[in-house]
Amino acid sequence: MEKVKAGLRGLSADQKLKKGKLVLDSLSGNPHFPFPVPPLTELDATCVELQQACIAALDRGRIACSRKETAVATMDLVLSRLAGYVNGAAMGDSTKLISSGFDLIKRAEPRTSIDA
């Protein structure tokens, strides 16, 4: 059964923002996912907050950097929850999963030979 992953490990705040916007665009009006949990309004608000926090943190102030860290953690949570919703709603249908904007989980491939 195919599944999607949030795929957030190792991404910078800007990359997470781009991923959030991609998922927002992909799920908006998508008939396969009519009632996403959390709602897309929450994802949109999280994207806006992260974008503003990234801009504010450019001066490297402690409060601004703390706000950015909080916004990144919120984005991680929202995207992880949405990936779980997409997996449950799509029921393994790869066409529906791909239309969500998330990446598919790569399946393990069997080894054909073992090196010495």
Protein backbone atom coordinates (compact mmCIF):
# COMPACT_ATOMS: atom_id res chain seq x y z
CA MET A 1 0.00 0.00 0.00
CA GLU A 2 1.36 3.39 -1.02
CA LYS A 3 1.72 6.18 1.53
CA VAL A 4 2.99 9.74 1.66
CA LYS A 5 5.46 11.28 4.06
CA ALA A 6 5.74 14.78 5.41
CA GLY A 7 9.43 14.73 4.45
CA LEU A 8 10.51 17.53 6.77
CA ARG A 9 13.72 16.11 8.21
CA GLY A 10 16.75 18.16 7.22
CA LEU A 11 14.78 20.98 5.59
CA SER A 12 15.42 24.63 6.38
CA ALA A 13 12.64 26.98 7.43
CA ASP A 14 12.40 28.38 3.90
CA GLN A 15 12.16 24.90 2.40
CA LYS A 16 9.43 23.96 4.89
CA LEU A 17 7.56 27.11 3.91
CA LYS A 18 7.78 26.16 0.23
CA LYS A 19 6.55 22.65 1.04
CA GLY A 20 3.67 24.09 3.06
CA LYS A 21 2.64 26.34 0.18
CA LEU A 22 2.88 23.44 -2.29
CA VAL A 23 0.64 21.26 -0.14
CA LEU A 24 -1.78 24.17 0.37
CA ASP A 25 -2.03 24.74 -3.38
CA SER A 26 -2.37 21.01 -4.09
CA LEU A 27 -5.09 20.37 -1.51
CA SER A 28 -7.11 23.54 -2.22
CA GLY A 29 -10.13 22.42 -4.20
CA ASN A 30 -8.84 18.86 -4.50
CA PRO A 31 -11.94 16.61 -4.72
CA HIS A 32 -10.05 13.65 -3.25
CA PHE A 33 -9.52 15.50 0.04
CA PRO A 34 -12.70 17.51 0.72
CA PHE A 35 -12.35 17.99 4.49
CA PRO A 36 -8.66 18.04 5.45
CA VAL A 37 -7.69 17.80 9.10
CA PRO A 38 -6.31 20.25 10.14
CA PRO A 39 -8.24 22.63 7.85
CA LEU A 40 -6.41 24.42 5.06
CA THR A 41 -7.10 27.75 6.75
CA GLU A 42 -4.81 26.59 9.56
CA LEU A 43 -2.10 25.63 7.07
CA ASP A 44 -2.47 29.00 5.35
CA ALA A 45 -2.16 30.85 8.67
CA THR A 46 0.89 28.75 9.54
CA CYS A 47 2.52 29.60 6.19
CA VAL A 48 1.89 33.30 6.73
CA GLU A 49 3.27 33.18 10.28
CA LEU A 50 6.39 31.27 9.19
CA GLN A 51 7.03 33.69 6.34
CA GLN A 52 6.71 36.71 8.64
CA ALA A 53 8.86 35.04 11.31
CA CYS A 54 11.60 34.27 8.78
CA ILE A 55 11.66 37.90 7.65
CA ALA A 56 11.71 39.16 11.25
CA ALA A 57 14.54 36.78 12.18
CA LEU A 58 16.88 38.20 9.54
CA ASP A 59 18.26 40.64 12.12
CA ARG A 60 19.13 37.64 14.37
CA GLY A 61 17.32 39.03 17.42
CA ARG A 62 16.59 36.50 20.17
CA ILE A 63 12.85 37.12 20.26
CA ALA A 64 12.55 37.00 16.47
CA CYS A 65 14.58 33.77 16.28
CA SER A 66 12.43 32.24 19.01
CA ARG A 67 9.31 33.20 17.05
CA LYS A 68 10.79 31.57 13.96
CA GLU A 69 11.57 28.34 15.86
CA THR A 70 7.99 28.25 17.14
CA ALA A 71 6.62 28.82 13.64
CA VAL A 72 8.81 26.03 12.25
CA ALA A 73 7.59 23.63 14.95
CA THR A 74 3.98 24.55 14.17
CA MET A 75 4.57 23.97 10.44
CA ASP A 76 6.08 20.56 11.22
CA LEU A 77 3.03 19.61 13.28
CA VAL A 78 0.48 20.83 10.74
CA LEU A 79 2.19 19.14 7.77
CA SER A 80 2.63 15.88 9.71
CA ARG A 81 -1.05 15.84 10.63
CA LEU A 82 -2.06 16.61 7.05
CA ALA A 83 0.14 13.77 5.76
CA GLY A 84 -1.67 11.43 8.14
CA TYR A 85 -5.04 12.68 6.91
CA VAL A 86 -3.98 12.22 3.26
CA ASN A 87 -2.82 8.65 3.96
CA GLY A 88 -6.13 7.81 5.61
CA ALA A 89 -8.33 9.48 3.00
CA ALA A 90 -6.51 8.11 -0.07
CA MET A 91 -6.48 4.50 1.17
CA GLY A 92 -3.31 3.67 -0.78
CA ASP A 93 -4.47 5.10 -4.14
CA SER A 94 -1.24 6.47 -5.62
CA THR A 95 -3.05 8.89 -7.98
CA LYS A 96 -4.80 10.53 -5.05
CA LEU A 97 -1.63 10.53 -2.96
CA ILE A 98 0.43 12.23 -5.67
CA SER A 99 -2.24 14.92 -6.12
CA SER A 100 -1.80 15.95 -2.46
CA GLY A 101 1.59 17.61 -2.95
CA PHE A 102 3.37 15.28 -0.52
CA ASP A 103 6.15 12.89 -1.56
CA LEU A 104 5.48 9.17 -1.74
CA ILE A 105 7.40 6.91 0.60
CA LYS A 106 9.99 4.94 -1.32
CA ARG A 107 9.62 1.22 -1.02
CA ALA A 108 12.57 -0.94 -0.15
CA GLU A 109 14.06 -2.76 -3.10
CA PRO A 110 15.45 -6.28 -2.71
CA ARG A 111 19.17 -6.70 -3.16
CA THR A 112 20.13 -8.67 -6.22
CA SER A 113 23.70 -9.34 -5.13
CA ILE A 114 25.78 -9.08 -2.01
CA ASP A 115 29.22 -7.52 -2.25
CA ALA A 116 32.12 -9.18 -0.49
